[in-house]
Amino acid sequence: MTNAMLRLLIADGNDRDGRAKRADAVGRTTSQAFAAVVADLAPEAVCTLVNPADADAVSGADFAAFHGMVLTGSTLRLAEDGPSVRRQLDLMRAALEAGLPVFGSCWGMQVAAAVAGGDVGENPRGPEYGFARRIAPTGDGAAHPLLAGRGLAWDAPAIHLDAVLGAPPGARVLAANAVLDVQAIEIRYGRGLFRGTQYHPETDLDELAAMLRLSAEDIVSAGFAADHAAVEGFSREVEGLAGDDDAARRQRAWRLGVGTDILEAGQRRREIGNFLTSLS
């Protein structure tokens, strides 16, 4: 398969309210941002965007028309168990049972794990806001194609309260860090294969800064910042990582305590590129 033949279904994990807030803050929805990353990595790929949280969005996807599916992050939580959540569980289950390869980050990984019998909930070790730090491959992940090109440890954009606390039966945990035992995973379910991350390889640094501002109240409540002004200061530092001055960007990375590989878009998006390669 060539990139010109690659057809992806990109499902936005947010409901209407979540999409509107994200678009107001960032200028585009989560699925639109993900599609832009795919366009950079595979310019000839064709992406179809859907909103499975909405009753009128996906009644039954024609999975045979696609080579793969992506489920994005979301402000929803599985514990809410409302129609917007159940529709996405149904979509994930149907896609995997149809044999479709699926990638998901954050919410997308949580939905896949829940469908396959894993345990998802609030991480007792606390949330990650800004970056998941010192992620490292497990024994199963060290030579896994999803993590090809990653080093012995890396940092990645991350914003989450919930996480996969227990992997589904038969799943392969690919990466972990001190905060979370499941940072990347492979799940086989039905005829399908899911690969994904709790962190956000698709998120650009200026978008991460905007998402931190949206999460300011939660960040303060978690005790990570004294007040909204402190969150704003941190967000400006993160935003500065996306600037044009390489020296200034490296200095900011040092101040924030993150590896310089997070400054390189290709390295930051490594898992998405590897997923797209697996479809070709």
C-alpha atoms as a PDB file:
ATOM      1  CA  MET A   1       0.000   0.000   0.000  1.00  0.00           C
ATOM      2  CA  THR A   2       1.249   3.498  -0.787  1.00  0.00           C
ATOM      3  CA  ASN A   3       0.367   6.643   1.134  1.00  0.00           C
ATOM      4  CA  ALA A   4      -1.858   7.618  -1.801  1.00  0.00           C
ATOM      5  CA  MET A   5      -4.023   4.601  -1.009  1.00  0.00           C
ATOM      6  CA  LEU A   6      -4.047   5.070   2.753  1.00  0.00           C
ATOM      7  CA  ARG A   7      -7.504   5.864   4.126  1.00  0.00           C
ATOM      8  CA  LEU A   8      -7.911   6.646   7.823  1.00  0.00           C
ATOM      9  CA  LEU A   9     -11.006   7.061   9.964  1.00  0.00           C
ATOM     10  CA  ILE A  10     -10.229   9.626  12.679  1.00  0.00           C
ATOM     11  CA  ALA A  11     -12.761   9.622  15.515  1.00  0.00           C
ATOM     12  CA  ASP A  12     -12.817  12.656  17.809  1.00  0.00           C
ATOM     13  CA  GLY A  13     -13.182  11.549  21.424  1.00  0.00           C
ATOM     14  CA  ASN A  14     -14.891  14.761  22.585  1.00  0.00           C
ATOM     15  CA  ASP A  15     -18.580  15.532  22.737  1.00  0.00           C
ATOM     16  CA  ARG A  16     -19.939  18.748  21.213  1.00  0.00           C
ATOM     17  CA  ASP A  17     -19.079  20.857  24.246  1.00  0.00           C
ATOM     18  CA  GLY A  18     -15.555  19.464  24.450  1.00  0.00           C
ATOM     19  CA  ARG A  19     -14.966  20.046  20.747  1.00  0.00           C
ATOM     20  CA  ALA A  20     -16.216  23.631  20.979  1.00  0.00           C
ATOM     21  CA  LYS A  21     -13.973  24.454  23.948  1.00  0.00           C
ATOM     22  CA  ARG A  22     -10.976  22.892  22.264  1.00  0.00           C
ATOM     23  CA  ALA A  23     -11.630  24.720  18.989  1.00  0.00           C
ATOM     24  CA  ASP A  24     -11.997  28.041  20.837  1.00  0.00           C
ATOM     25  CA  ALA A  25      -8.703  27.504  22.670  1.00  0.00           C
ATOM     26  CA  VAL A  26      -6.605  25.984  19.898  1.00  0.00           C
ATOM     27  CA  GLY A  27      -8.358  26.930  16.675  1.00  0.00           C
ATOM     28  CA  ARG A  28      -9.265  23.394  15.666  1.00  0.00           C
ATOM     29  CA  THR A  29     -10.773  20.251  17.117  1.00  0.00           C
ATOM     30  CA  THR A  30      -8.756  17.307  18.351  1.00  0.00           C
ATOM     31  CA  SER A  31      -9.550  15.257  15.251  1.00  0.00           C
ATOM     32  CA  GLN A  32      -8.610  18.150  12.964  1.00  0.00           C
ATOM     33  CA  ALA A  33      -5.273  18.514  14.760  1.00  0.00           C
ATOM     34  CA  PHE A  34      -4.648  14.772  14.469  1.00  0.00           C
ATOM     35  CA  ALA A  35      -5.482  14.849  10.765  1.00  0.00           C
ATOM     36  CA  ALA A  36      -2.965  17.676  10.297  1.00  0.00           C
ATOM     37  CA  VAL A  37      -0.249  15.508  11.868  1.00  0.00           C
ATOM     38  CA  VAL A  38      -1.175  12.613   9.581  1.00  0.00           C
ATOM     39  CA  ALA A  39      -0.992  14.994   6.600  1.00  0.00           C
ATOM     40  CA  ASP A  40       2.556  15.954   7.611  1.00  0.00           C
ATOM     41  CA  LEU A  41       3.655  12.343   8.036  1.00  0.00           C
ATOM     42  CA  ALA A  42       1.751  10.840   5.101  1.00  0.00           C
ATOM     43  CA  PRO A  43       0.807  13.698   2.736  1.00  0.00           C
ATOM     44  CA  GLU A  44      -1.234  11.585   0.351  1.00  0.00           C
ATOM     45  CA  ALA A  45      -3.333   9.902   3.070  1.00  0.00           C
ATOM     46  CA  VAL A  46      -7.077  10.583   3.063  1.00  0.00           C
ATOM     47  CA  CYS A  47      -8.637  11.172   6.488  1.00  0.00           C
ATOM     48  CA  THR A  48     -12.354  10.945   7.261  1.00  0.00           C
ATOM     49  CA  LEU A  49     -13.292  12.719  10.504  1.00  0.00           C
ATOM     50  CA  VAL A  50     -16.227  11.565  12.634  1.00  0.00           C
ATOM     51  CA  ASN A  51     -17.655  12.491  16.030  1.00  0.00           C
ATOM     52  CA  PRO A  52     -18.767   9.214  17.646  1.00  0.00           C
ATOM     53  CA  ALA A  53     -19.873  10.906  20.884  1.00  0.00           C
ATOM     54  CA  ASP A  54     -22.800  12.396  18.943  1.00  0.00           C
ATOM     55  CA  ALA A  55     -25.913  10.345  18.317  1.00  0.00           C
ATOM     56  CA  ASP A  56     -26.053  11.427  14.687  1.00  0.00           C
ATOM     57  CA  ALA A  57     -22.370  10.958  13.883  1.00  0.00           C
ATOM     58  CA  VAL A  58     -21.607   7.241  13.581  1.00  0.00           C
ATOM     59  CA  SER A  59     -24.466   4.777  13.447  1.00  0.00           C
ATOM     60  CA  GLY A  60     -22.384   2.147  11.678  1.00  0.00           C
ATOM     61  CA  ALA A  61     -19.041   2.877  10.064  1.00  0.00           C
ATOM     62  CA  ASP A  62     -18.138   1.099   6.838  1.00  0.00           C
ATOM     63  CA  PHE A  63     -14.835  -0.178   8.186  1.00  0.00           C
ATOM     64  CA  ALA A  64     -14.017  -1.967   4.940  1.00  0.00           C
ATOM     65  CA  ALA A  65     -13.436   1.448   3.368  1.00  0.00           C
ATOM     66  CA  PHE A  66     -10.538   2.212   5.727  1.00  0.00           C
ATOM     67  CA  HIS A  67      -7.078   0.845   6.378  1.00  0.00           C
ATOM     68  CA  GLY A  68      -7.035   2.008   9.988  1.00  0.00           C
ATOM     69  CA  MET A  69      -8.764   4.066  12.652  1.00  0.00           C
ATOM     70  CA  VAL A  70      -7.637   6.594  15.243  1.00  0.00           C
ATOM     71  CA  LEU A  71      -9.514   7.524  18.425  1.00  0.00           C
ATOM     72  CA  THR A  72      -8.248  10.797  19.880  1.00  0.00           C
ATOM     73  CA  GLY A  73      -8.040  12.162  23.385  1.00  0.00           C
ATOM     74  CA  SER A  74     -11.085  13.562  25.156  1.00  0.00           C
ATOM     75  CA  THR A  75     -12.309  15.482  28.187  1.00  0.00           C
ATOM     76  CA  LEU A  76     -14.811  12.669  28.823  1.00  0.00           C
ATOM     77  CA  ARG A  77     -14.257  10.000  31.460  1.00  0.00           C
ATOM     78  CA  LEU A  78     -15.327   6.374  31.291  1.00  0.00           C
ATOM     79  CA  ALA A  79     -16.753   6.586  34.814  1.00  0.00           C
ATOM     80  CA  GLU A  80     -19.373   9.022  33.504  1.00  0.00           C
ATOM     81  CA  ASP A  81     -20.908   6.125  31.539  1.00  0.00           C
ATOM     82  CA  GLY A  82     -23.275   8.289  29.528  1.00  0.00           C
ATOM     83  CA  PRO A  83     -24.396   7.863  25.912  1.00  0.00           C
ATOM     84  CA  SER A  84     -21.392   9.830  24.608  1.00  0.00           C
ATOM     85  CA  VAL A  85     -19.103   7.323  26.314  1.00  0.00           C
ATOM     86  CA  ARG A  86     -21.026   4.185  25.369  1.00  0.00           C
ATOM     87  CA  ARG A  87     -21.155   5.157  21.689  1.00  0.00           C
ATOM     88  CA  GLN A  88     -17.354   5.291  21.628  1.00  0.00           C
ATOM     89  CA  LEU A  89     -17.019   1.949  23.376  1.00  0.00           C
ATOM     90  CA  ASP A  90     -19.349   0.531  20.730  1.00  0.00           C
ATOM     91  CA  LEU A  91     -17.325   2.082  17.910  1.00  0.00           C
ATOM     92  CA  MET A  92     -14.041   0.717  19.255  1.00  0.00           C
ATOM     93  CA  ARG A  93     -15.529  -2.742  19.763  1.00  0.00           C
ATOM     94  CA  ALA A  94     -17.012  -2.787  16.272  1.00  0.00           C
ATOM     95  CA  ALA A  95     -13.780  -1.580  14.639  1.00  0.00           C
ATOM     96  CA  LEU A  96     -11.655  -4.207  16.351  1.00  0.00           C
ATOM     97  CA  GLU A  97     -14.150  -6.989  15.736  1.00  0.00           C
ATOM     98  CA  ALA A  98     -14.088  -5.992  12.060  1.00  0.00           C
ATOM     99  CA  GLY A  99     -10.306  -6.491  12.043  1.00  0.00           C
ATOM    100  CA  LEU A 100      -9.354  -2.825  11.716  1.00  0.00           C
ATOM    101  CA  PRO A 101      -5.946  -1.695  13.042  1.00  0.00           C
ATOM    102  CA  VAL A 102      -6.563   1.102  15.565  1.00  0.00           C
ATOM    103  CA  PHE A 103      -4.339   3.711  17.196  1.00  0.00           C
ATOM    104  CA  GLY A 104      -5.407   5.766  20.189  1.00  0.00           C
ATOM    105  CA  SER A 105      -3.831   8.246  22.559  1.00  0.00           C
ATOM    106  CA  CYS A 106      -4.986   8.941  26.121  1.00  0.00           C
ATOM    107  CA  TRP A 107      -8.791   8.528  25.959  1.00  0.00           C
ATOM    108  CA  GLY A 108      -8.447   6.321  22.886  1.00  0.00           C
ATOM    109  CA  MET A 109      -6.203   3.907  24.791  1.00  0.00           C
ATOM    110  CA  GLN A 110      -8.526   3.903  27.783  1.00  0.00           C
ATOM    111  CA  VAL A 111     -11.529   3.056  25.597  1.00  0.00           C
ATOM    112  CA  ALA A 112      -9.695   0.188  23.890  1.00  0.00           C
ATOM    113  CA  ALA A 113      -8.527  -1.210  27.227  1.00  0.00           C
ATOM    114  CA  ALA A 114     -12.045  -1.040  28.669  1.00  0.00           C
ATOM    115  CA  VAL A 115     -13.512  -2.835  25.644  1.00  0.00           C
ATOM    116  CA  ALA A 116     -10.960  -5.624  26.001  1.00  0.00           C
ATOM    117  CA  GLY A 117     -11.555  -6.125  29.733  1.00  0.00           C
ATOM    118  CA  GLY A 118      -8.922  -3.860  31.295  1.00  0.00           C
ATOM    119  CA  ASP A 119      -9.251  -1.632  34.344  1.00  0.00           C
ATOM    120  CA  VAL A 120      -9.522   2.123  33.739  1.00  0.00           C
ATOM    121  CA  GLY A 121      -9.869   4.773  36.416  1.00  0.00           C
ATOM    122  CA  GLU A 122      -8.258   7.641  38.272  1.00  0.00           C
ATOM    123  CA  ASN A 123      -4.560   6.996  38.696  1.00  0.00           C
ATOM    124  CA  PRO A 124      -3.811   6.649  42.435  1.00  0.00           C
ATOM    125  CA  ARG A 125      -0.307   8.010  41.821  1.00  0.00           C
ATOM    126  CA  GLY A 126      -1.782  11.219  40.506  1.00  0.00           C
ATOM    127  CA  PRO A 127      -2.291  12.939  37.154  1.00  0.00           C
ATOM    128  CA  GLU A 128       0.212  14.091  34.563  1.00  0.00           C
ATOM    129  CA  TYR A 129      -0.132  17.672  33.366  1.00  0.00           C
ATOM    130  CA  GLY A 130       2.222  18.961  30.720  1.00  0.00           C
ATOM    131  CA  PHE A 131       4.636  16.099  30.234  1.00  0.00           C
ATOM    132  CA  ALA A 132       4.907  12.415  31.010  1.00  0.00           C
ATOM    133  CA  ARG A 133       8.541  12.189  32.048  1.00  0.00           C
ATOM    134  CA  ARG A 134      11.138   9.468  31.761  1.00  0.00           C
ATOM    135  CA  ILE A 135       8.941   7.010  29.896  1.00  0.00           C
ATOM    136  CA  ALA A 136      10.850   3.798  29.263  1.00  0.00           C
ATOM    137  CA  PRO A 137      10.101   0.677  27.228  1.00  0.00           C
ATOM    138  CA  THR A 138       9.235  -2.531  29.030  1.00  0.00           C
ATOM    139  CA  GLY A 139      10.711  -5.878  27.999  1.00  0.00           C
ATOM    140  CA  ASP A 140       7.870  -6.285  25.502  1.00  0.00           C
ATOM    141  CA  GLY A 141       8.313  -2.727  24.262  1.00  0.00           C
ATOM    142  CA  ALA A 142      12.075  -2.656  23.761  1.00  0.00           C
ATOM    143  CA  ALA A 143      11.908  -4.050  20.216  1.00  0.00           C
ATOM    144  CA  HIS A 144       8.248  -3.328  19.462  1.00  0.00           C
ATOM    145  CA  PRO A 145       7.510  -1.566  16.155  1.00  0.00           C
ATOM    146  CA  LEU A 146       5.252   1.024  17.822  1.00  0.00           C
ATOM    147  CA  LEU A 147       8.259   2.368  19.723  1.00  0.00           C
ATOM    148  CA  ALA A 148      10.829   2.027  16.938  1.00  0.00           C
ATOM    149  CA  GLY A 149      13.169   4.992  17.068  1.00  0.00           C
ATOM    150  CA  ARG A 150      12.577   5.763  20.725  1.00  0.00           C
ATOM    151  CA  GLY A 151      15.550   5.751  23.059  1.00  0.00           C
ATOM    152  CA  LEU A 152      16.073   4.260  26.498  1.00  0.00           C
ATOM    153  CA  ALA A 153      13.808   6.949  27.976  1.00  0.00           C
ATOM    154  CA  TRP A 154      11.815   9.899  26.682  1.00  0.00           C
ATOM    155  CA  ASP A 155       9.373  12.652  27.667  1.00  0.00           C
ATOM    156  CA  ALA A 156       6.075  13.295  25.904  1.00  0.00           C
ATOM    157  CA  PRO A 157       3.143  15.732  26.028  1.00  0.00           C
ATOM    158  CA  ALA A 158       0.534  14.455  28.469  1.00  0.00           C
ATOM    159  CA  ILE A 159      -2.625  15.657  30.192  1.00  0.00           C
ATOM    160  CA  HIS A 160      -4.685  13.065  32.035  1.00  0.00           C
ATOM    161  CA  LEU A 161      -6.313  12.178  35.321  1.00  0.00           C
ATOM    162  CA  ASP A 162      -7.580   8.707  34.389  1.00  0.00           C
ATOM    163  CA  ALA A 163      -5.399   5.943  33.015  1.00  0.00           C
ATOM    164  CA  VAL A 164      -5.254   2.218  32.301  1.00  0.00           C
ATOM    165  CA  LEU A 165      -4.636   0.787  35.760  1.00  0.00           C
ATOM    166  CA  GLY A 166      -4.798  -2.850  34.732  1.00  0.00           C
ATOM    167  CA  ALA A 167      -4.036  -4.149  31.243  1.00  0.00           C
ATOM    168  CA  PRO A 168      -6.608  -6.374  29.528  1.00  0.00           C
ATOM    169  CA  PRO A 169      -5.954 -10.143  29.463  1.00  0.00           C
ATOM    170  CA  GLY A 170      -3.294 -10.968  26.872  1.00  0.00           C
ATOM    171  CA  ALA A 171      -2.309  -7.341  26.253  1.00  0.00           C
ATOM    172  CA  ARG A 172       1.338  -6.345  25.957  1.00  0.00           C
ATOM    173  CA  VAL A 173       2.387  -3.349  28.036  1.00  0.00           C
ATOM    174  CA  LEU A 174       5.050  -1.566  26.001  1.00  0.00           C
ATOM    175  CA  ALA A 175       6.134   1.409  28.124  1.00  0.00           C
ATOM    176  CA  ALA A 176       5.830   2.801  31.644  1.00  0.00           C
ATOM    177  CA  ASN A 177       7.198   5.488  33.941  1.00  0.00           C
ATOM    178  CA  ALA A 178       7.248   6.248  37.652  1.00  0.00           C
ATOM    179  CA  VAL A 179       3.726   7.689  37.550  1.00  0.00           C
ATOM    180  CA  LEU A 180       2.015   5.033  35.458  1.00  0.00           C
ATOM    181  CA  ASP A 181       2.628   1.364  34.725  1.00  0.00           C
ATOM    182  CA  VAL A 182       0.856   1.506  31.333  1.00  0.00           C
ATOM    183  CA  GLN A 183       2.121   4.348  29.126  1.00  0.00           C
ATOM    184  CA  ALA A 184       1.908   2.360  25.873  1.00  0.00           C
ATOM    185  CA  ILE A 185       0.131  -0.857  25.022  1.00  0.00           C
ATOM    186  CA  GLU A 186      -0.797  -3.401  22.352  1.00  0.00           C
ATOM    187  CA  ILE A 187      -4.197  -5.072  22.585  1.00  0.00           C
ATOM    188  CA  ARG A 188      -5.564  -7.847  20.395  1.00  0.00           C
ATOM    189  CA  TYR A 189      -9.339  -8.015  20.360  1.00  0.00           C
ATOM    190  CA  GLY A 190     -11.544  -9.818  17.887  1.00  0.00           C
ATOM    191  CA  ARG A 191      -9.731  -9.757  14.559  1.00  0.00           C
ATOM    192  CA  GLY A 192      -8.324  -6.295  15.266  1.00  0.00           C
ATOM    193  CA  LEU A 193      -5.145  -4.912  16.748  1.00  0.00           C
ATOM    194  CA  PHE A 194      -4.951  -1.800  18.913  1.00  0.00           C
ATOM    195  CA  ARG A 195      -1.740   0.075  19.602  1.00  0.00           C
ATOM    196  CA  GLY A 196      -1.643   3.254  21.583  1.00  0.00           C
ATOM    197  CA  THR A 197      -0.229   5.536  24.244  1.00  0.00           C
ATOM    198  CA  GLN A 198      -1.458   7.290  27.347  1.00  0.00           C
ATOM    199  CA  TYR A 199       0.622  10.313  26.352  1.00  0.00           C
ATOM    200  CA  HIS A 200      -0.089  12.519  23.325  1.00  0.00           C
ATOM    201  CA  PRO A 201       2.451  12.086  20.504  1.00  0.00           C
ATOM    202  CA  GLU A 202       0.132  14.046  18.223  1.00  0.00           C
ATOM    203  CA  THR A 203       0.106  17.224  20.322  1.00  0.00           C
ATOM    204  CA  ASP A 204       2.202  20.165  19.186  1.00  0.00           C
ATOM    205  CA  LEU A 205       3.764  22.285  21.898  1.00  0.00           C
ATOM    206  CA  ASP A 206       1.712  25.428  21.295  1.00  0.00           C
ATOM    207  CA  GLU A 207      -1.433  23.293  21.466  1.00  0.00           C
ATOM    208  CA  LEU A 208      -0.180  21.719  24.674  1.00  0.00           C
ATOM    209  CA  ALA A 209       0.160  25.186  26.186  1.00  0.00           C
ATOM    210  CA  ALA A 210      -3.445  25.982  25.232  1.00  0.00           C
ATOM    211  CA  MET A 211      -4.655  22.707  26.737  1.00  0.00           C
ATOM    212  CA  LEU A 212      -2.810  23.469  29.976  1.00  0.00           C
ATOM    213  CA  ARG A 213      -4.645  26.791  30.180  1.00  0.00           C
ATOM    214  CA  LEU A 214      -7.944  24.947  29.696  1.00  0.00           C
ATOM    215  CA  SER A 215      -6.971  22.615  32.547  1.00  0.00           C
ATOM    216  CA  ALA A 216      -5.813  25.386  34.905  1.00  0.00           C
ATOM    217  CA  GLU A 217      -8.436  24.723  37.580  1.00  0.00           C
ATOM    218  CA  ASP A 218      -7.599  21.011  37.666  1.00  0.00           C
ATOM    219  CA  ILE A 219      -3.865  21.715  37.779  1.00  0.00           C
ATOM    220  CA  VAL A 220      -4.273  24.036  40.754  1.00  0.00           C
ATOM    221  CA  SER A 221      -6.601  21.556  42.482  1.00  0.00           C
ATOM    222  CA  ALA A 222      -3.993  18.812  42.022  1.00  0.00           C
ATOM    223  CA  GLY A 223      -1.460  20.991  43.818  1.00  0.00           C
ATOM    224  CA  PHE A 224       0.875  21.322  40.846  1.00  0.00           C
ATOM    225  CA  ALA A 225       0.516  25.114  40.763  1.00  0.00           C
ATOM    226  CA  ALA A 226      -0.318  27.687  43.414  1.00  0.00           C
ATOM    227  CA  ASP A 227      -2.814  29.571  41.256  1.00  0.00           C
ATOM    228  CA  HIS A 228      -3.910  30.277  37.698  1.00  0.00           C
ATOM    229  CA  ALA A 229      -1.097  32.771  37.247  1.00  0.00           C
ATOM    230  CA  ALA A 230       1.420  30.008  37.921  1.00  0.00           C
ATOM    231  CA  VAL A 231      -0.283  27.803  35.340  1.00  0.00           C
ATOM    232  CA  GLU A 232      -0.108  30.667  32.862  1.00  0.00           C
ATOM    233  CA  GLY A 233       3.598  31.099  33.512  1.00  0.00           C
ATOM    234  CA  PHE A 234       4.241  27.402  32.943  1.00  0.00           C
ATOM    235  CA  SER A 235       2.082  27.476  29.806  1.00  0.00           C
ATOM    236  CA  ARG A 236       4.124  30.351  28.390  1.00  0.00           C
ATOM    237  CA  GLU A 237       7.304  28.350  28.967  1.00  0.00           C
ATOM    238  CA  VAL A 238       5.797  25.353  27.150  1.00  0.00           C
ATOM    239  CA  GLU A 239       4.612  27.641  24.346  1.00  0.00           C
ATOM    240  CA  GLY A 240       8.135  28.958  24.035  1.00  0.00           C
ATOM    241  CA  LEU A 241       9.350  25.456  23.221  1.00  0.00           C
ATOM    242  CA  ALA A 242       7.643  25.899  19.842  1.00  0.00           C
ATOM    243  CA  GLY A 243       9.560  29.095  18.977  1.00  0.00           C
ATOM    244  CA  ASP A 244      12.062  29.689  16.190  1.00  0.00           C
ATOM    245  CA  ASP A 245      15.140  30.335  18.326  1.00  0.00           C
ATOM    246  CA  ASP A 246      16.816  26.938  18.792  1.00  0.00           C
ATOM    247  CA  ALA A 247      19.070  28.138  21.602  1.00  0.00           C
ATOM    248  CA  ALA A 248      16.122  29.613  23.505  1.00  0.00           C
ATOM    249  CA  ARG A 249      14.118  26.426  22.998  1.00  0.00           C
ATOM    250  CA  ARG A 250      16.910  24.267  24.391  1.00  0.00           C
ATOM    251  CA  GLN A 251      17.255  26.576  27.380  1.00  0.00           C
ATOM    252  CA  ARG A 252      13.518  26.303  28.055  1.00  0.00           C
ATOM    253  CA  ALA A 253      13.686  22.517  27.765  1.00  0.00           C
ATOM    254  CA  TRP A 254      16.457  22.554  30.363  1.00  0.00           C
ATOM    255  CA  ARG A 255      14.428  24.793  32.696  1.00  0.00           C
ATOM    256  CA  LEU A 256      11.384  22.541  32.310  1.00  0.00           C
ATOM    257  CA  GLY A 257      13.437  19.414  32.856  1.00  0.00           C
ATOM    258  CA  VAL A 258      12.437  17.690  29.611  1.00  0.00           C
ATOM    259  CA  GLY A 259      14.617  16.005  27.024  1.00  0.00           C
ATOM    260  CA  THR A 260      15.508  17.933  23.900  1.00  0.00           C
ATOM    261  CA  ASP A 261      13.952  15.199  21.713  1.00  0.00           C
ATOM    262  CA  ILE A 262      10.581  16.731  22.631  1.00  0.00           C
ATOM    263  CA  LEU A 263      11.611  19.744  20.523  1.00  0.00           C
ATOM    264  CA  GLU A 264      11.732  17.648  17.345  1.00  0.00           C
ATOM    265  CA  ALA A 265       8.304  17.096  15.776  1.00  0.00           C
ATOM    266  CA  GLY A 266       9.336  13.876  14.058  1.00  0.00           C
ATOM    267  CA  GLN A 267      10.578  12.373  17.293  1.00  0.00           C
ATOM    268  CA  ARG A 268       7.629  13.664  19.309  1.00  0.00           C
ATOM    269  CA  ARG A 269       5.237  12.024  16.807  1.00  0.00           C
ATOM    270  CA  ARG A 270       7.230   8.805  16.586  1.00  0.00           C
ATOM    271  CA  GLU A 271       4.397   6.412  17.529  1.00  0.00           C
ATOM    272  CA  ILE A 272       2.001   7.896  14.983  1.00  0.00           C
ATOM    273  CA  GLY A 273       4.565   7.574  12.217  1.00  0.00           C
ATOM    274  CA  ASN A 274       5.209   3.990  13.245  1.00  0.00           C
ATOM    275  CA  PHE A 275       1.479   3.222  13.217  1.00  0.00           C
ATOM    276  CA  LEU A 276       1.113   4.668   9.724  1.00  0.00           C
ATOM    277  CA  THR A 277       4.113   2.634   8.574  1.00  0.00           C
ATOM    278  CA  SER A 278       2.459  -0.527   9.924  1.00  0.00           C
ATOM    279  CA  LEU A 279      -0.502   0.100   7.620  1.00  0.00           C
ATOM    280  CA  SER A 280       1.633   0.300   4.480  1.00  0.00           C
END
